[in-house]
Amino acid sequence: MNNIPILFTLSGYETALIQPENTSELQTLMEKCADYSLMVDGHPPDPSEAARLLVDCPPGKTVADKLVIGFSNQNKGLIGVLDTVRDYPTERDWWLGLLVLDPAYRNHGLGRQIVQAFESWVGQQGARRIFLGVVAENAKAYQFWLKLGFDVIERHQGRQFGDLTHEVVIMVRNISEA
């Protein structure tokens, strides 16, 4: 991920935009995080998972509105990714579409550090809120977001992901509460 602009700093890690030339590294991370794909989609990540992540956008948004931010260290390469879309669902809101970490880096506070650094950075960009959706069956993620101060605002039943159908919990956090 060299020569890619750094968006925000995270002590001990490099943060940078993931570009199409980084797709194979991103695909390797997604395959390490197969537990997430199995829970959400009902199958391991397919060979085009990384390429799809780089271009999938919500309705009315384009890749110009999307940032896929990678987190790496010198010893292990890419160890995490955060996918976000600016000005969605409305202007000055940011949608956090995905946050995954290599299993070896989970449960050590890194996710919290990433979200706090991201929140600070989007606040500097003029954001007022961060939105996200979490699959209700992903109890650990749901609790993680609650502990970070995200509030439940909606629940959507019957959302299809791969081979599975889920309830999706929409959550929000006001940046001013940071």
Protein backbone atom coordinates (compact mmCIF):
# COMPACT_ATOMS: atom_id res chain seq x y z
CA MET A 1 0.00 0.00 0.00
CA ASN A 2 2.95 2.32 -0.57
CA ASN A 3 2.53 5.74 -2.21
CA ILE A 4 -1.15 5.96 -1.23
CA PRO A 5 -2.30 9.05 0.70
CA ILE A 6 -2.61 8.52 4.45
CA LEU A 7 -6.01 9.65 5.72
CA PHE A 8 -5.53 9.46 9.47
CA THR A 9 -2.98 8.04 11.85
CA LEU A 10 -3.27 5.05 14.11
CA SER A 11 -0.41 4.40 16.48
CA GLY A 12 1.68 1.46 15.31
CA TYR A 13 -0.19 0.98 12.03
CA GLU A 14 -0.23 2.48 8.57
CA THR A 15 -3.58 3.61 7.19
CA ALA A 16 -4.10 4.15 3.48
CA LEU A 17 -6.70 3.99 0.75
CA ILE A 18 -6.85 0.61 -0.91
CA GLN A 19 -6.56 0.91 -4.67
CA PRO A 20 -7.39 -1.66 -7.38
CA GLU A 21 -3.73 -2.68 -7.50
CA ASN A 22 -4.11 -3.82 -3.86
CA THR A 23 -6.98 -6.20 -4.66
CA SER A 24 -4.98 -9.39 -4.12
CA GLU A 25 -3.82 -8.23 -0.67
CA LEU A 26 -7.40 -7.29 0.21
CA GLN A 27 -8.66 -10.65 -1.07
CA THR A 28 -6.16 -12.44 1.20
CA LEU A 29 -7.51 -10.49 4.19
CA MET A 30 -11.11 -11.28 3.26
CA GLU A 31 -10.21 -14.98 3.09
CA LYS A 32 -8.58 -14.78 6.54
CA CYS A 33 -11.88 -13.32 7.73
CA ALA A 34 -13.93 -16.17 6.27
CA ASP A 35 -15.78 -16.52 9.59
CA TYR A 36 -17.52 -13.22 8.80
CA SER A 37 -18.55 -14.35 5.29
CA LEU A 38 -19.79 -17.68 6.63
CA MET A 39 -21.94 -15.93 9.25
CA VAL A 40 -23.34 -13.27 6.93
CA ASP A 41 -23.42 -14.93 3.49
CA GLY A 42 -23.48 -18.60 4.45
CA HIS A 43 -20.35 -19.39 2.42
CA PRO A 44 -16.65 -18.44 2.31
CA PRO A 45 -15.67 -15.28 0.41
CA ASP A 46 -15.74 -15.81 -3.32
CA PRO A 47 -12.68 -15.03 -5.49
CA SER A 48 -14.07 -11.61 -6.45
CA GLU A 49 -14.92 -10.48 -2.88
CA ALA A 50 -12.17 -7.83 -2.73
CA ALA A 51 -12.85 -6.46 -6.20
CA ARG A 52 -16.56 -6.18 -5.35
CA LEU A 53 -15.82 -4.40 -2.06
CA LEU A 54 -13.89 -1.72 -3.94
CA VAL A 55 -16.83 -0.85 -6.22
CA ASP A 56 -20.09 -1.70 -4.40
CA CYS A 57 -21.97 1.47 -3.53
CA PRO A 58 -25.40 2.23 -2.09
CA PRO A 59 -28.09 3.68 -4.37
CA GLY A 60 -27.23 7.13 -5.70
CA LYS A 61 -23.55 6.91 -4.76
CA THR A 62 -20.46 6.20 -6.89
CA VAL A 63 -16.91 5.02 -6.21
CA ALA A 64 -15.97 8.72 -5.99
CA ASP A 65 -17.95 8.79 -2.71
CA LYS A 66 -16.43 5.57 -1.39
CA LEU A 67 -13.27 4.99 0.63
CA VAL A 68 -11.85 1.57 1.40
CA ILE A 69 -9.22 2.17 4.06
CA GLY A 70 -6.61 -0.45 4.82
CA PHE A 71 -4.66 -0.93 8.04
CA SER A 72 -1.29 -2.60 7.91
CA ASN A 73 1.82 -3.17 9.92
CA GLN A 74 5.32 -3.75 8.64
CA ASN A 75 5.46 -7.39 9.73
CA LYS A 76 2.08 -8.75 8.66
CA GLY A 77 0.87 -6.54 5.78
CA LEU A 78 -2.84 -5.75 5.55
CA ILE A 79 -4.53 -6.66 8.84
CA GLY A 80 -7.81 -4.75 8.61
CA VAL A 81 -10.14 -2.79 6.37
CA LEU A 82 -12.84 -0.17 6.86
CA ASP A 83 -15.28 0.54 4.02
CA THR A 84 -17.15 3.85 4.10
CA VAL A 85 -19.28 6.12 1.91
CA ARG A 86 -19.44 9.87 2.49
CA ASP A 87 -22.64 11.91 2.37
CA TYR A 88 -24.82 8.85 2.82
CA PRO A 89 -27.64 8.48 3.68
CA THR A 90 -27.73 12.30 3.61
CA GLU A 91 -25.21 15.10 3.28
CA ARG A 92 -22.61 15.21 6.09
CA ASP A 93 -23.43 11.63 7.11
CA TRP A 94 -20.95 8.78 6.59
CA TRP A 95 -22.00 5.16 6.15
CA LEU A 96 -19.60 2.63 7.64
CA GLY A 97 -20.22 -0.40 5.45
CA LEU A 98 -17.64 -2.84 6.77
CA LEU A 99 -14.96 -3.15 9.41
CA VAL A 100 -13.05 -6.41 9.47
CA LEU A 101 -9.82 -7.37 11.19
CA ASP A 102 -7.55 -10.34 10.71
CA PRO A 103 -8.64 -12.78 13.48
CA ALA A 104 -5.19 -12.54 15.09
CA TYR A 105 -5.80 -8.82 15.73
CA ARG A 106 -9.31 -9.03 17.17
CA ASN A 107 -10.24 -8.56 20.83
CA HIS A 108 -7.20 -6.41 21.65
CA GLY A 109 -8.75 -2.94 21.32
CA LEU A 110 -7.62 -2.30 17.73
CA GLY A 111 -11.19 -2.10 16.39
CA ARG A 112 -12.03 0.55 18.96
CA GLN A 113 -8.88 2.51 18.07
CA ILE A 114 -9.75 2.35 14.38
CA VAL A 115 -13.31 3.55 14.92
CA GLN A 116 -12.18 6.38 17.22
CA ALA A 117 -9.52 7.54 14.73
CA PHE A 118 -12.02 7.28 11.86
CA GLU A 119 -14.64 9.22 13.82
CA SER A 120 -12.17 11.98 14.62
CA TRP A 121 -11.08 12.18 10.97
CA VAL A 122 -14.62 12.29 9.52
CA GLY A 123 -15.48 14.92 12.11
CA GLN A 124 -12.64 17.03 10.70
CA GLN A 125 -14.23 16.49 7.25
CA GLY A 126 -17.46 18.06 8.53
CA ALA A 127 -19.38 14.87 9.27
CA ARG A 128 -22.22 15.07 11.75
CA ARG A 129 -23.13 11.36 12.04
CA ILE A 130 -21.84 7.87 11.29
CA PHE A 131 -24.39 5.24 10.27
CA LEU A 132 -23.94 1.48 9.96
CA GLY A 133 -25.91 -1.72 9.67
CA VAL A 134 -25.08 -4.83 11.63
CA VAL A 135 -26.51 -8.29 11.09
CA ALA A 136 -28.43 -9.06 14.27
CA GLU A 137 -26.97 -12.59 14.44
CA ASN A 138 -23.50 -11.03 14.76
CA ALA A 139 -23.90 -10.53 18.50
CA LYS A 140 -20.23 -9.65 19.11
CA ALA A 141 -20.33 -6.88 16.50
CA TYR A 142 -23.67 -5.62 17.80
CA GLN A 143 -22.26 -5.34 21.33
CA PHE A 144 -19.06 -3.74 19.99
CA TRP A 145 -21.03 -0.94 18.30
CA LEU A 146 -23.25 -0.41 21.35
CA LYS A 147 -20.16 -0.06 23.57
CA LEU A 148 -18.80 2.56 21.18
CA GLY A 149 -21.94 4.64 21.67
CA PHE A 150 -23.92 3.76 18.55
CA ASP A 151 -27.69 3.81 19.00
CA VAL A 152 -30.22 1.54 17.32
CA ILE A 153 -32.58 3.53 15.10
CA GLU A 154 -34.18 0.88 12.84
CA ARG A 155 -34.49 -2.85 12.30
CA HIS A 156 -35.05 -4.42 8.89
CA GLN A 157 -36.26 -8.01 8.62
CA GLY A 158 -35.67 -10.34 5.70
CA ARG A 159 -32.49 -8.87 4.18
CA GLN A 160 -30.80 -11.31 1.81
CA PHE A 161 -27.00 -11.72 1.99
CA GLY A 162 -25.60 -14.51 -0.14
CA ASP A 163 -27.41 -17.69 0.88
CA LEU A 164 -28.84 -16.32 4.14
CA THR A 165 -31.60 -13.98 5.27
CA HIS A 166 -31.00 -11.69 8.25
CA GLU A 167 -32.41 -8.97 10.41
CA VAL A 168 -30.24 -5.87 9.93
CA VAL A 169 -29.98 -3.38 12.78
CA ILE A 170 -29.30 0.20 11.64
CA MET A 171 -27.25 2.20 14.13
CA VAL A 172 -26.03 5.78 14.33
CA ARG A 173 -23.59 7.83 16.36
CA ASN A 174 -23.56 11.62 16.42
CA ILE A 175 -20.05 12.96 15.94
CA SER A 176 -20.74 15.78 18.38
CA GLU A 177 -20.98 13.16 21.14
CA ALA A 178 -17.38 12.09 20.59
